Amino acid sequence: MPHCLIGDRAYDSDPLDEKLREKGVELIAPHRKNRVKKKTQDGRKLRRYKKR
């Protein structure tokens, strides 16, 4: 099982993030522009997304 999953904006889903955390996988994906809830990631981890 991978340690982290790098995805695009479509992967920005709180239920998906929770399921992956339960399995020990870190989700790295930029937030959608219309996100209502509080952001779950900071810019440091998104550097990996830019390098994908």
Protein backbone atom coordinates (compact mmCIF):
# COMPACT_ATOMS: atom_id res chain seq x y z
CA MET A 1 0.00 0.00 0.00
CA PRO A 2 1.39 3.46 -0.87
CA HIS A 3 2.26 5.99 1.83
CA CYS A 4 0.79 8.94 -0.05
CA LEU A 5 -1.60 9.49 -2.94
CA ILE A 6 -1.10 12.50 -5.19
CA GLY A 7 -4.20 13.56 -7.10
CA ASP A 8 -5.70 16.53 -8.87
CA ARG A 9 -8.50 18.81 -7.64
CA ALA A 10 -11.12 16.11 -8.20
CA TYR A 11 -9.63 14.15 -5.29
CA ASP A 12 -10.40 16.97 -2.82
CA SER A 13 -13.10 15.13 -0.89
CA ASP A 14 -13.35 14.93 2.89
CA PRO A 15 -14.92 11.42 2.91
CA LEU A 16 -12.17 10.14 0.60
CA ASP A 17 -9.51 11.78 2.78
CA GLU A 18 -10.94 10.11 5.91
CA LYS A 19 -11.04 6.66 4.31
CA LEU A 20 -7.45 6.96 3.14
CA ARG A 21 -6.28 8.15 6.58
CA GLU A 22 -7.86 5.09 8.17
CA LYS A 23 -5.72 2.95 5.87
CA GLY A 24 -2.58 4.99 6.59
CA VAL A 25 -2.41 6.77 3.25
CA GLU A 26 -1.82 10.52 3.05
CA LEU A 27 -3.82 12.38 0.39
CA ILE A 28 -2.02 15.21 -1.39
CA ALA A 29 -4.33 17.21 -3.65
CA PRO A 30 -4.97 20.92 -4.18
CA HIS A 31 -8.25 22.26 -2.85
CA ARG A 32 -11.17 23.06 -5.11
CA LYS A 33 -11.92 26.76 -5.48
CA ASN A 34 -15.49 26.32 -4.24
CA ARG A 35 -14.48 24.46 -1.04
CA VAL A 36 -16.81 25.39 1.84
CA LYS A 37 -15.11 23.60 4.73
CA LYS A 38 -11.77 24.50 6.27
CA LYS A 39 -8.68 23.60 4.23
CA THR A 40 -6.97 20.38 5.29
CA GLN A 41 -3.55 20.90 3.67
CA ASP A 42 -0.96 23.62 3.67
CA GLY A 43 1.24 24.66 0.77
CA ARG A 44 4.28 22.65 1.83
CA LYS A 45 2.77 19.27 0.95
CA LEU A 46 1.37 20.60 -2.30
CA ARG A 47 4.93 21.01 -3.59
CA ARG A 48 4.84 17.25 -4.22
CA TYR A 49 1.75 17.78 -6.36
CA LYS A 50 3.57 20.33 -8.50
CA LYS A 51 6.45 17.90 -9.08
CA ARG A 52 4.25 14.98 -10.16
